[in-house]
Amino acid sequence: MSRQFFVPGIILLFVALVLSFLTSISLPSIHFLDIARIHFGNGQGQNLPKDQLIQEARFGIWGYCYYDLNDDSTCVHTGHGYEFPLRASFDGDTNTITVETIGASWTRGLAVHPVATVFTAIALGLSVYSTVTGNIAAALGVLVASLLAAFLTLLAFIIDIALYAYVHHKVHEVDGRWNVDTAPGFWLTFVSLLCILFATCTIFIGRRKAGDSSPSYPTMSGGSGILSRFRKN
């Protein structure tokens, strides 16, 4: 087995797994690992105590958190597919309250992150097994699992981008003074995707090298090659 290609692939898959796992835990369990953030400047409202003014809101995979001007947080653990209330307004003429929200359809897809983590773990396990045992068939399984992990991580990153873009659009519709930024979980997903893609490339090259050096693979030359049966006597 071509260890010079498979070992870097294992290292890259391990890094991708750690990053993907941390992102999958996400906020509210790990407060600094969110996908997007809304900055409200000096807080919403006037003439209120600091602990009643919202300075920042963070979007995680399993819920969201508010931060007041004292940097104290209030987190809501809703599970995947949550609604996020942006602002409530009261219409005195009709006596109705209108609530601007980020719909659950924009956060439900974030659950792809842990699925991508599972396939990354499978790819890593098969990669270690293939390298230790020298099993070429297992190397094919590594390649398939790595491609699936790359696809799912790419899908998760696209969902992150869509969430950020929609929140940015919606927030500026509500109040142009508020700002929206990407958060650490967003960029960890991007780095994880790059690691998986590079790992997949090295694993593919390693499998080709292993196949070329294996006597069980048919060759195009030599007396035992697959074309030798067509030679004339």
C-alpha atoms as a PDB file:
ATOM      1  CA  MET A   1       0.000   0.000   0.000  1.00  0.00           C
ATOM      2  CA  SER A   2       1.256   3.514  -0.879  1.00  0.00           C
ATOM      3  CA  ARG A   3       1.652   4.856   2.632  1.00  0.00           C
ATOM      4  CA  GLN A   4       3.231   8.078   1.378  1.00  0.00           C
ATOM      5  CA  PHE A   5      -0.223   9.041   0.069  1.00  0.00           C
ATOM      6  CA  PHE A   6      -2.492   7.356   2.602  1.00  0.00           C
ATOM      7  CA  VAL A   7      -0.816   8.762   5.738  1.00  0.00           C
ATOM      8  CA  PRO A   8      -1.351  12.417   4.674  1.00  0.00           C
ATOM      9  CA  GLY A   9      -4.929  11.452   3.825  1.00  0.00           C
ATOM     10  CA  ILE A  10      -5.424  10.042   7.330  1.00  0.00           C
ATOM     11  CA  ILE A  11      -4.028  13.210   8.914  1.00  0.00           C
ATOM     12  CA  LEU A  12      -6.264  15.443   6.796  1.00  0.00           C
ATOM     13  CA  LEU A  13      -9.340  13.328   7.546  1.00  0.00           C
ATOM     14  CA  PHE A  14      -8.544  13.444  11.264  1.00  0.00           C
ATOM     15  CA  VAL A  15      -8.291  17.248  11.189  1.00  0.00           C
ATOM     16  CA  ALA A  16     -11.536  17.441   9.203  1.00  0.00           C
ATOM     17  CA  LEU A  17     -13.265  15.123  11.683  1.00  0.00           C
ATOM     18  CA  VAL A  18     -12.228  17.216  14.695  1.00  0.00           C
ATOM     19  CA  LEU A  19     -13.365  20.467  13.061  1.00  0.00           C
ATOM     20  CA  SER A  20     -16.619  18.948  11.828  1.00  0.00           C
ATOM     21  CA  PHE A  21     -17.333  17.384  15.229  1.00  0.00           C
ATOM     22  CA  LEU A  22     -16.827  20.677  17.062  1.00  0.00           C
ATOM     23  CA  THR A  23     -19.042  22.499  14.579  1.00  0.00           C
ATOM     24  CA  SER A  24     -21.724  19.829  14.977  1.00  0.00           C
ATOM     25  CA  ILE A  25     -21.815  20.325  18.748  1.00  0.00           C
ATOM     26  CA  SER A  26     -22.166  24.052  18.109  1.00  0.00           C
ATOM     27  CA  LEU A  27     -24.033  26.667  20.060  1.00  0.00           C
ATOM     28  CA  PRO A  28     -25.620  26.645  22.632  1.00  0.00           C
ATOM     29  CA  SER A  29     -23.306  23.907  23.993  1.00  0.00           C
ATOM     30  CA  ILE A  30     -20.168  25.730  22.774  1.00  0.00           C
ATOM     31  CA  HIS A  31     -20.964  29.438  22.701  1.00  0.00           C
ATOM     32  CA  PHE A  32     -18.222  30.551  20.328  1.00  0.00           C
ATOM     33  CA  LEU A  33     -19.000  27.940  17.645  1.00  0.00           C
ATOM     34  CA  ASP A  34     -21.936  29.478  15.815  1.00  0.00           C
ATOM     35  CA  ILE A  35     -22.705  29.925  12.124  1.00  0.00           C
ATOM     36  CA  ALA A  36     -23.787  33.575  11.874  1.00  0.00           C
ATOM     37  CA  ARG A  37     -24.072  36.596  14.182  1.00  0.00           C
ATOM     38  CA  ILE A  38     -26.219  39.706  14.289  1.00  0.00           C
ATOM     39  CA  HIS A  39     -24.671  42.808  15.870  1.00  0.00           C
ATOM     40  CA  PHE A  40     -27.185  45.324  17.176  1.00  0.00           C
ATOM     41  CA  GLY A  41     -24.623  48.038  17.911  1.00  0.00           C
ATOM     42  CA  ASN A  42     -25.292  49.601  21.307  1.00  0.00           C
ATOM     43  CA  GLY A  43     -28.321  47.442  21.874  1.00  0.00           C
ATOM     44  CA  GLN A  44     -32.034  47.542  21.132  1.00  0.00           C
ATOM     45  CA  GLY A  45     -34.207  49.987  22.985  1.00  0.00           C
ATOM     46  CA  GLN A  46     -33.489  53.131  24.973  1.00  0.00           C
ATOM     47  CA  ASN A  47     -33.278  54.072  28.643  1.00  0.00           C
ATOM     48  CA  LEU A  48     -33.076  50.438  29.736  1.00  0.00           C
ATOM     49  CA  PRO A  49     -30.524  48.691  31.991  1.00  0.00           C
ATOM     50  CA  LYS A  50     -27.594  47.058  30.200  1.00  0.00           C
ATOM     51  CA  ASP A  51     -28.802  43.579  31.060  1.00  0.00           C
ATOM     52  CA  GLN A  52     -32.032  44.270  29.137  1.00  0.00           C
ATOM     53  CA  LEU A  53     -30.364  45.543  25.971  1.00  0.00           C
ATOM     54  CA  ILE A  54     -29.478  42.953  23.329  1.00  0.00           C
ATOM     55  CA  GLN A  55     -26.061  43.564  21.841  1.00  0.00           C
ATOM     56  CA  GLU A  56     -25.632  40.411  19.760  1.00  0.00           C
ATOM     57  CA  ALA A  57     -27.477  37.304  18.602  1.00  0.00           C
ATOM     58  CA  ARG A  58     -25.784  34.082  17.490  1.00  0.00           C
ATOM     59  CA  PHE A  59     -27.141  31.260  15.340  1.00  0.00           C
ATOM     60  CA  GLY A  60     -26.072  27.700  16.149  1.00  0.00           C
ATOM     61  CA  ILE A  61     -27.144  24.341  14.779  1.00  0.00           C
ATOM     62  CA  TRP A  62     -29.276  23.399  17.784  1.00  0.00           C
ATOM     63  CA  GLY A  63     -30.409  26.815  19.009  1.00  0.00           C
ATOM     64  CA  TYR A  64     -29.487  30.467  19.404  1.00  0.00           C
ATOM     65  CA  CYS A  65     -28.136  32.844  22.042  1.00  0.00           C
ATOM     66  CA  TYR A  66     -28.631  36.504  22.931  1.00  0.00           C
ATOM     67  CA  TYR A  67     -25.887  38.613  24.484  1.00  0.00           C
ATOM     68  CA  ASP A  68     -26.601  41.793  26.457  1.00  0.00           C
ATOM     69  CA  LEU A  69     -24.294  44.777  26.937  1.00  0.00           C
ATOM     70  CA  ASN A  70     -22.723  43.040  29.950  1.00  0.00           C
ATOM     71  CA  ASP A  71     -21.773  40.108  27.654  1.00  0.00           C
ATOM     72  CA  ASP A  72     -24.087  37.807  29.587  1.00  0.00           C
ATOM     73  CA  SER A  73     -25.843  35.261  27.405  1.00  0.00           C
ATOM     74  CA  THR A  74     -29.334  33.843  27.267  1.00  0.00           C
ATOM     75  CA  CYS A  75     -29.510  30.687  25.152  1.00  0.00           C
ATOM     76  CA  VAL A  76     -32.462  28.799  23.731  1.00  0.00           C
ATOM     77  CA  HIS A  77     -31.845  25.099  22.997  1.00  0.00           C
ATOM     78  CA  THR A  78     -34.586  24.298  20.508  1.00  0.00           C
ATOM     79  CA  GLY A  79     -33.080  21.493  18.471  1.00  0.00           C
ATOM     80  CA  HIS A  80     -32.687  21.782  14.715  1.00  0.00           C
ATOM     81  CA  GLY A  81     -35.201  23.732  12.672  1.00  0.00           C
ATOM     82  CA  TYR A  82     -35.893  26.695  14.955  1.00  0.00           C
ATOM     83  CA  GLU A  83     -37.465  30.094  14.348  1.00  0.00           C
ATOM     84  CA  PHE A  84     -35.545  33.189  15.377  1.00  0.00           C
ATOM     85  CA  PRO A  85     -37.571  36.311  16.319  1.00  0.00           C
ATOM     86  CA  LEU A  86     -35.965  39.496  15.022  1.00  0.00           C
ATOM     87  CA  ARG A  87     -38.354  42.204  16.130  1.00  0.00           C
ATOM     88  CA  ALA A  88     -41.947  42.620  17.288  1.00  0.00           C
ATOM     89  CA  SER A  89     -43.913  45.748  16.399  1.00  0.00           C
ATOM     90  CA  PHE A  90     -47.344  46.886  17.592  1.00  0.00           C
ATOM     91  CA  ASP A  91     -49.846  48.527  15.271  1.00  0.00           C
ATOM     92  CA  GLY A  92     -52.059  50.807  17.347  1.00  0.00           C
ATOM     93  CA  ASP A  93     -54.581  51.281  14.550  1.00  0.00           C
ATOM     94  CA  THR A  94     -55.369  47.592  14.207  1.00  0.00           C
ATOM     95  CA  ASN A  95     -54.231  46.470  17.691  1.00  0.00           C
ATOM     96  CA  THR A  96     -52.062  43.765  16.152  1.00  0.00           C
ATOM     97  CA  ILE A  97     -48.509  42.661  16.855  1.00  0.00           C
ATOM     98  CA  THR A  98     -46.263  41.838  13.912  1.00  0.00           C
ATOM     99  CA  VAL A  99     -43.215  39.663  14.546  1.00  0.00           C
ATOM    100  CA  GLU A 100     -40.348  39.576  12.046  1.00  0.00           C
ATOM    101  CA  THR A 101     -38.654  36.156  12.169  1.00  0.00           C
ATOM    102  CA  ILE A 102     -36.029  33.987  10.525  1.00  0.00           C
ATOM    103  CA  GLY A 103     -38.099  30.953   9.552  1.00  0.00           C
ATOM    104  CA  ALA A 104     -37.325  27.396  10.610  1.00  0.00           C
ATOM    105  CA  SER A 105     -36.839  26.383   6.979  1.00  0.00           C
ATOM    106  CA  TRP A 106     -33.563  28.346   6.960  1.00  0.00           C
ATOM    107  CA  THR A 107     -32.111  26.621  10.039  1.00  0.00           C
ATOM    108  CA  ARG A 108     -33.474  23.094   9.555  1.00  0.00           C
ATOM    109  CA  GLY A 109     -30.814  22.211   6.993  1.00  0.00           C
ATOM    110  CA  LEU A 110     -28.029  22.825   9.518  1.00  0.00           C
ATOM    111  CA  ALA A 111     -28.624  19.259  10.735  1.00  0.00           C
ATOM    112  CA  VAL A 112     -26.564  18.101   7.728  1.00  0.00           C
ATOM    113  CA  HIS A 113     -23.433  18.996   9.734  1.00  0.00           C
ATOM    114  CA  PRO A 114     -23.537  15.961  12.090  1.00  0.00           C
ATOM    115  CA  VAL A 115     -24.354  13.659   9.160  1.00  0.00           C
ATOM    116  CA  ALA A 116     -21.232  14.892   7.370  1.00  0.00           C
ATOM    117  CA  THR A 117     -19.285  14.283  10.586  1.00  0.00           C
ATOM    118  CA  VAL A 118     -20.423  10.645  10.678  1.00  0.00           C
ATOM    119  CA  PHE A 119     -19.286   9.988   7.101  1.00  0.00           C
ATOM    120  CA  THR A 120     -15.975  11.723   7.781  1.00  0.00           C
ATOM    121  CA  ALA A 121     -15.464   9.387  10.750  1.00  0.00           C
ATOM    122  CA  ILE A 122     -16.285   6.372   8.561  1.00  0.00           C
ATOM    123  CA  ALA A 123     -13.796   7.523   5.925  1.00  0.00           C
ATOM    124  CA  LEU A 124     -11.114   7.988   8.585  1.00  0.00           C
ATOM    125  CA  GLY A 125     -11.735   4.547  10.093  1.00  0.00           C
ATOM    126  CA  LEU A 126     -11.593   2.820   6.716  1.00  0.00           C
ATOM    127  CA  SER A 127      -8.472   4.774   5.800  1.00  0.00           C
ATOM    128  CA  VAL A 128      -6.654   3.608   8.940  1.00  0.00           C
ATOM    129  CA  TYR A 129      -7.802   0.015   8.367  1.00  0.00           C
ATOM    130  CA  SER A 130      -6.725   0.086   4.717  1.00  0.00           C
ATOM    131  CA  THR A 131      -3.291   1.468   5.583  1.00  0.00           C
ATOM    132  CA  VAL A 132      -2.659  -1.030   8.392  1.00  0.00           C
ATOM    133  CA  THR A 133      -3.879  -4.121   6.540  1.00  0.00           C
ATOM    134  CA  GLY A 134      -2.877  -3.150   3.005  1.00  0.00           C
ATOM    135  CA  ASN A 135      -6.352  -4.129   1.810  1.00  0.00           C
ATOM    136  CA  ILE A 136      -6.918  -2.625  -1.651  1.00  0.00           C
ATOM    137  CA  ALA A 137     -10.671  -3.290  -1.531  1.00  0.00           C
ATOM    138  CA  ALA A 138     -10.859  -1.262   1.688  1.00  0.00           C
ATOM    139  CA  ALA A 139      -9.061   1.554  -0.125  1.00  0.00           C
ATOM    140  CA  LEU A 140     -11.984   1.689  -2.550  1.00  0.00           C
ATOM    141  CA  GLY A 141     -14.334   1.983   0.425  1.00  0.00           C
ATOM    142  CA  VAL A 142     -12.212   4.856   1.758  1.00  0.00           C
ATOM    143  CA  LEU A 143     -12.528   6.665  -1.552  1.00  0.00           C
ATOM    144  CA  VAL A 144     -16.319   6.243  -1.641  1.00  0.00           C
ATOM    145  CA  ALA A 145     -16.738   7.327   1.997  1.00  0.00           C
ATOM    146  CA  SER A 146     -14.449  10.325   1.453  1.00  0.00           C
ATOM    147  CA  LEU A 147     -16.439  11.430  -1.584  1.00  0.00           C
ATOM    148  CA  LEU A 148     -19.686  11.160   0.388  1.00  0.00           C
ATOM    149  CA  ALA A 149     -18.156  13.092   3.296  1.00  0.00           C
ATOM    150  CA  ALA A 150     -16.947  15.780   0.893  1.00  0.00           C
ATOM    151  CA  PHE A 151     -20.380  16.040  -0.728  1.00  0.00           C
ATOM    152  CA  LEU A 152     -22.207  16.309   2.607  1.00  0.00           C
ATOM    153  CA  THR A 153     -19.725  18.839   3.978  1.00  0.00           C
ATOM    154  CA  LEU A 154     -20.087  20.890   0.800  1.00  0.00           C
ATOM    155  CA  LEU A 155     -23.864  20.702   1.190  1.00  0.00           C
ATOM    156  CA  ALA A 156     -23.572  21.842   4.821  1.00  0.00           C
ATOM    157  CA  PHE A 157     -21.372  24.763   3.780  1.00  0.00           C
ATOM    158  CA  ILE A 158     -23.849  25.791   1.067  1.00  0.00           C
ATOM    159  CA  ILE A 159     -26.622  25.732   3.688  1.00  0.00           C
ATOM    160  CA  ASP A 160     -24.449  27.909   5.955  1.00  0.00           C
ATOM    161  CA  ILE A 161     -23.956  30.387   3.113  1.00  0.00           C
ATOM    162  CA  ALA A 162     -27.697  30.432   2.383  1.00  0.00           C
ATOM    163  CA  LEU A 163     -28.503  31.065   6.064  1.00  0.00           C
ATOM    164  CA  TYR A 164     -25.976  33.886   6.299  1.00  0.00           C
ATOM    165  CA  ALA A 165     -27.222  35.499   3.069  1.00  0.00           C
ATOM    166  CA  TYR A 166     -30.870  35.315   4.137  1.00  0.00           C
ATOM    167  CA  VAL A 167     -30.207  36.632   7.645  1.00  0.00           C
ATOM    168  CA  HIS A 168     -28.147  39.466   6.155  1.00  0.00           C
ATOM    169  CA  HIS A 169     -30.984  40.337   3.762  1.00  0.00           C
ATOM    170  CA  LYS A 170     -33.729  40.047   6.386  1.00  0.00           C
ATOM    171  CA  VAL A 171     -31.857  42.036   9.030  1.00  0.00           C
ATOM    172  CA  HIS A 172     -31.228  44.950   6.692  1.00  0.00           C
ATOM    173  CA  GLU A 173     -34.899  44.953   5.779  1.00  0.00           C
ATOM    174  CA  VAL A 174     -35.802  45.321   9.455  1.00  0.00           C
ATOM    175  CA  ASP A 175     -33.080  47.787  10.480  1.00  0.00           C
ATOM    176  CA  GLY A 176     -30.229  48.949   8.268  1.00  0.00           C
ATOM    177  CA  ARG A 177     -28.100  49.852  11.299  1.00  0.00           C
ATOM    178  CA  TRP A 178     -27.640  46.217  12.306  1.00  0.00           C
ATOM    179  CA  ASN A 179     -24.747  44.145  10.983  1.00  0.00           C
ATOM    180  CA  VAL A 180     -24.473  40.432  10.179  1.00  0.00           C
ATOM    181  CA  ASP A 181     -21.195  38.498  10.161  1.00  0.00           C
ATOM    182  CA  THR A 182     -20.109  34.932   9.577  1.00  0.00           C
ATOM    183  CA  ALA A 183     -18.982  33.107  12.728  1.00  0.00           C
ATOM    184  CA  PRO A 184     -16.275  30.528  13.626  1.00  0.00           C
ATOM    185  CA  GLY A 185     -18.493  27.521  12.861  1.00  0.00           C
ATOM    186  CA  PHE A 186     -18.946  28.811   9.311  1.00  0.00           C
ATOM    187  CA  TRP A 187     -15.194  28.924   8.693  1.00  0.00           C
ATOM    188  CA  LEU A 188     -14.468  25.631  10.463  1.00  0.00           C
ATOM    189  CA  THR A 189     -16.846  23.985   8.001  1.00  0.00           C
ATOM    190  CA  PHE A 190     -14.961  25.574   5.103  1.00  0.00           C
ATOM    191  CA  VAL A 191     -11.578  24.358   6.400  1.00  0.00           C
ATOM    192  CA  SER A 192     -13.040  20.895   7.045  1.00  0.00           C
ATOM    193  CA  LEU A 193     -14.281  20.786   3.446  1.00  0.00           C
ATOM    194  CA  LEU A 194     -10.827  21.667   2.107  1.00  0.00           C
ATOM    195  CA  CYS A 195      -9.203  18.975   4.275  1.00  0.00           C
ATOM    196  CA  ILE A 196     -11.628  16.316   3.040  1.00  0.00           C
ATOM    197  CA  LEU A 197     -11.126  17.319  -0.600  1.00  0.00           C
ATOM    198  CA  PHE A 198      -7.327  17.173  -0.293  1.00  0.00           C
ATOM    199  CA  ALA A 199      -7.586  13.875   1.597  1.00  0.00           C
ATOM    200  CA  THR A 200      -9.790  12.422  -1.138  1.00  0.00           C
ATOM    201  CA  CYS A 201      -7.238  13.423  -3.782  1.00  0.00           C
ATOM    202  CA  THR A 202      -4.340  11.818  -1.901  1.00  0.00           C
ATOM    203  CA  ILE A 203      -6.373   8.663  -1.240  1.00  0.00           C
ATOM    204  CA  PHE A 204      -7.291   8.421  -4.929  1.00  0.00           C
ATOM    205  CA  ILE A 205      -3.642   8.777  -5.954  1.00  0.00           C
ATOM    206  CA  GLY A 206      -2.600   6.263  -3.301  1.00  0.00           C
ATOM    207  CA  ARG A 207      -5.148   3.737  -4.497  1.00  0.00           C
ATOM    208  CA  ARG A 208      -3.972   4.136  -8.092  1.00  0.00           C
ATOM    209  CA  LYS A 209      -0.380   3.589  -6.999  1.00  0.00           C
ATOM    210  CA  ALA A 210      -1.396   0.550  -4.962  1.00  0.00           C
ATOM    211  CA  GLY A 211      -3.368  -0.863  -7.886  1.00  0.00           C
ATOM    212  CA  ASP A 212      -0.474  -0.404 -10.297  1.00  0.00           C
ATOM    213  CA  SER A 213       1.913  -2.224  -7.960  1.00  0.00           C
ATOM    214  CA  SER A 214      -0.464  -5.094  -7.154  1.00  0.00           C
ATOM    215  CA  PRO A 215       0.011  -8.347  -9.135  1.00  0.00           C
ATOM    216  CA  SER A 216      -3.710  -9.025  -8.863  1.00  0.00           C
ATOM    217  CA  TYR A 217      -4.458  -6.085 -11.133  1.00  0.00           C
ATOM    218  CA  PRO A 218      -4.465  -6.822 -14.908  1.00  0.00           C
ATOM    219  CA  THR A 219      -1.732  -5.073 -16.846  1.00  0.00           C
ATOM    220  CA  MET A 220      -1.325  -3.959 -20.425  1.00  0.00           C
ATOM    221  CA  SER A 221       2.064  -5.572 -20.963  1.00  0.00           C
ATOM    222  CA  GLY A 222       3.969  -8.725 -20.089  1.00  0.00           C
ATOM    223  CA  GLY A 223       3.205 -12.371 -20.649  1.00  0.00           C
ATOM    224  CA  SER A 224       0.605 -12.522 -17.887  1.00  0.00           C
ATOM    225  CA  GLY A 225      -1.246  -9.427 -19.008  1.00  0.00           C
ATOM    226  CA  ILE A 226      -4.877  -9.462 -20.002  1.00  0.00           C
ATOM    227  CA  LEU A 227      -3.956  -8.826 -23.666  1.00  0.00           C
ATOM    228  CA  SER A 228      -1.601 -11.810 -23.880  1.00  0.00           C
ATOM    229  CA  ARG A 229      -4.486 -14.173 -24.600  1.00  0.00           C
ATOM    230  CA  PHE A 230      -5.076 -12.377 -27.905  1.00  0.00           C
ATOM    231  CA  ARG A 231      -1.508 -12.857 -29.135  1.00  0.00           C
ATOM    232  CA  LYS A 232      -1.003 -15.071 -32.148  1.00  0.00           C
ATOM    233  CA  ASN A 233       1.047 -18.255 -31.774  1.00  0.00           C
END
